[in-house]
Amino acid sequence: NQGEGVSPPLPFEVQPMAGLVLLFPLDLEHEVATTAVGGSGEPRVSLAFNLRARWLDTPLLCAAYDGRTSSVGNMLLASSNGRS
């Protein structure tokens, strides 16, 4: 829904290259050409997925982010035993 005086974004093209990852909002209209990377003849892979980002809002997520594997294991074990 474009507001008054707001122009839609101009189209732009990104040249593919090995290792390039593009992330963009799900409502951005886009397309992927079926060409090989750099004309190398190697197959080009295009993956599509939806990513749901979450804040670290629980002790389990914070421990996992911090790499505290013992804490993560203990919390998972406690939750599987019906304790929180």
C-alpha atoms as a PDB file:
ATOM      1  CA  ASN A   1       0.000   0.000   0.000  1.00  0.00           C
ATOM      2  CA  GLN A   2       1.906   3.038  -1.266  1.00  0.00           C
ATOM      3  CA  GLY A   3       1.389   6.318   0.559  1.00  0.00           C
ATOM      4  CA  GLU A   4       0.750   9.554  -1.321  1.00  0.00           C
ATOM      5  CA  GLY A   5       3.951  10.863  -2.895  1.00  0.00           C
ATOM      6  CA  VAL A   6       5.853   7.617  -2.233  1.00  0.00           C
ATOM      7  CA  SER A   7       7.251   5.895  -5.305  1.00  0.00           C
ATOM      8  CA  PRO A   8       7.631   2.120  -5.469  1.00  0.00           C
ATOM      9  CA  PRO A   9      11.257   0.938  -5.253  1.00  0.00           C
ATOM     10  CA  LEU A  10      13.144   0.783  -8.537  1.00  0.00           C
ATOM     11  CA  PRO A  11      14.101  -2.665  -9.784  1.00  0.00           C
ATOM     12  CA  PHE A  12      17.730  -3.632  -9.431  1.00  0.00           C
ATOM     13  CA  GLU A  13      19.838  -6.598 -10.453  1.00  0.00           C
ATOM     14  CA  VAL A  14      22.415  -8.486  -8.415  1.00  0.00           C
ATOM     15  CA  GLN A  15      25.111 -10.389 -10.260  1.00  0.00           C
ATOM     16  CA  PRO A  16      25.489 -13.903  -8.824  1.00  0.00           C
ATOM     17  CA  MET A  17      28.848 -14.988  -7.442  1.00  0.00           C
ATOM     18  CA  ALA A  18      30.036 -17.964  -5.441  1.00  0.00           C
ATOM     19  CA  GLY A  19      29.177 -17.663  -1.758  1.00  0.00           C
ATOM     20  CA  LEU A  20      26.729 -14.764  -2.159  1.00  0.00           C
ATOM     21  CA  VAL A  21      23.731 -14.867   0.184  1.00  0.00           C
ATOM     22  CA  LEU A  22      20.884 -12.376  -0.122  1.00  0.00           C
ATOM     23  CA  LEU A  23      18.255 -11.947   2.576  1.00  0.00           C
ATOM     24  CA  PHE A  24      15.247  -9.734   2.032  1.00  0.00           C
ATOM     25  CA  PRO A  25      11.690  -9.242   3.318  1.00  0.00           C
ATOM     26  CA  LEU A  26       9.186 -11.894   2.259  1.00  0.00           C
ATOM     27  CA  ASP A  27       6.947  -9.339   0.558  1.00  0.00           C
ATOM     28  CA  LEU A  28       9.696  -8.139  -1.790  1.00  0.00           C
ATOM     29  CA  GLU A  29       8.824  -9.221  -5.314  1.00  0.00           C
ATOM     30  CA  HIS A  30      11.790 -11.058  -6.806  1.00  0.00           C
ATOM     31  CA  GLU A  31      12.900 -13.642  -9.328  1.00  0.00           C
ATOM     32  CA  VAL A  32      15.974 -15.810  -9.851  1.00  0.00           C
ATOM     33  CA  ALA A  33      17.420 -16.447 -13.294  1.00  0.00           C
ATOM     34  CA  THR A  34      18.497 -19.986 -14.122  1.00  0.00           C
ATOM     35  CA  THR A  35      22.036 -19.164 -15.210  1.00  0.00           C
ATOM     36  CA  ALA A  36      25.324 -20.652 -14.079  1.00  0.00           C
ATOM     37  CA  VAL A  37      27.561 -18.597 -11.791  1.00  0.00           C
ATOM     38  CA  GLY A  38      30.023 -16.586 -13.860  1.00  0.00           C
ATOM     39  CA  GLY A  39      29.348 -18.668 -16.955  1.00  0.00           C
ATOM     40  CA  SER A  40      31.365 -21.504 -15.397  1.00  0.00           C
ATOM     41  CA  GLY A  41      28.887 -24.164 -16.436  1.00  0.00           C
ATOM     42  CA  GLU A  42      28.563 -25.200 -12.785  1.00  0.00           C
ATOM     43  CA  PRO A  43      24.973 -25.641 -11.625  1.00  0.00           C
ATOM     44  CA  ARG A  44      23.514 -22.732  -9.722  1.00  0.00           C
ATOM     45  CA  VAL A  45      21.635 -23.399  -6.496  1.00  0.00           C
ATOM     46  CA  SER A  46      18.834 -21.154  -5.307  1.00  0.00           C
ATOM     47  CA  LEU A  47      17.256 -21.823  -1.904  1.00  0.00           C
ATOM     48  CA  ALA A  48      14.104 -20.215  -0.589  1.00  0.00           C
ATOM     49  CA  PHE A  49      13.010 -20.295   3.032  1.00  0.00           C
ATOM     50  CA  ASN A  50      11.193 -18.251   5.640  1.00  0.00           C
ATOM     51  CA  LEU A  51      13.214 -17.214   8.669  1.00  0.00           C
ATOM     52  CA  ARG A  52      11.524 -16.302  11.906  1.00  0.00           C
ATOM     53  CA  ALA A  53      13.894 -14.393  14.159  1.00  0.00           C
ATOM     54  CA  ARG A  54      13.285 -14.554  17.887  1.00  0.00           C
ATOM     55  CA  TRP A  55      14.799 -12.579  20.705  1.00  0.00           C
ATOM     56  CA  LEU A  56      16.662 -14.485  23.381  1.00  0.00           C
ATOM     57  CA  ASP A  57      13.652 -14.364  25.676  1.00  0.00           C
ATOM     58  CA  THR A  58      14.106 -17.566  27.684  1.00  0.00           C
ATOM     59  CA  PRO A  59      16.920 -18.962  29.828  1.00  0.00           C
ATOM     60  CA  LEU A  60      17.241 -21.903  27.398  1.00  0.00           C
ATOM     61  CA  LEU A  61      17.752 -19.636  24.362  1.00  0.00           C
ATOM     62  CA  CYS A  62      20.245 -17.471  26.260  1.00  0.00           C
ATOM     63  CA  ALA A  63      22.246 -20.531  27.355  1.00  0.00           C
ATOM     64  CA  ALA A  64      22.254 -21.930  23.804  1.00  0.00           C
ATOM     65  CA  TYR A  65      23.412 -18.587  22.385  1.00  0.00           C
ATOM     66  CA  ASP A  66      26.180 -18.318  24.994  1.00  0.00           C
ATOM     67  CA  GLY A  67      27.373 -21.858  24.250  1.00  0.00           C
ATOM     68  CA  ARG A  68      26.641 -23.159  27.752  1.00  0.00           C
ATOM     69  CA  THR A  69      25.996 -26.719  26.633  1.00  0.00           C
ATOM     70  CA  SER A  70      25.776 -28.152  30.178  1.00  0.00           C
ATOM     71  CA  SER A  71      23.058 -25.654  31.083  1.00  0.00           C
ATOM     72  CA  VAL A  72      21.174 -26.397  27.859  1.00  0.00           C
ATOM     73  CA  GLY A  73      21.330 -30.135  28.530  1.00  0.00           C
ATOM     74  CA  ASN A  74      20.151 -29.698  32.126  1.00  0.00           C
ATOM     75  CA  MET A  75      17.248 -27.463  31.093  1.00  0.00           C
ATOM     76  CA  LEU A  76      16.170 -29.871  28.336  1.00  0.00           C
ATOM     77  CA  LEU A  77      16.391 -32.825  30.721  1.00  0.00           C
ATOM     78  CA  ALA A  78      14.386 -30.972  33.364  1.00  0.00           C
ATOM     79  CA  SER A  79      11.718 -30.036  30.813  1.00  0.00           C
ATOM     80  CA  SER A  80      11.445 -33.629  29.545  1.00  0.00           C
ATOM     81  CA  ASN A  81      10.976 -34.757  33.170  1.00  0.00           C
ATOM     82  CA  GLY A  82       8.076 -32.312  33.573  1.00  0.00           C
ATOM     83  CA  ARG A  83      10.004 -29.672  35.520  1.00  0.00           C
ATOM     84  CA  SER A  84      10.689 -26.148  34.313  1.00  0.00           C
END
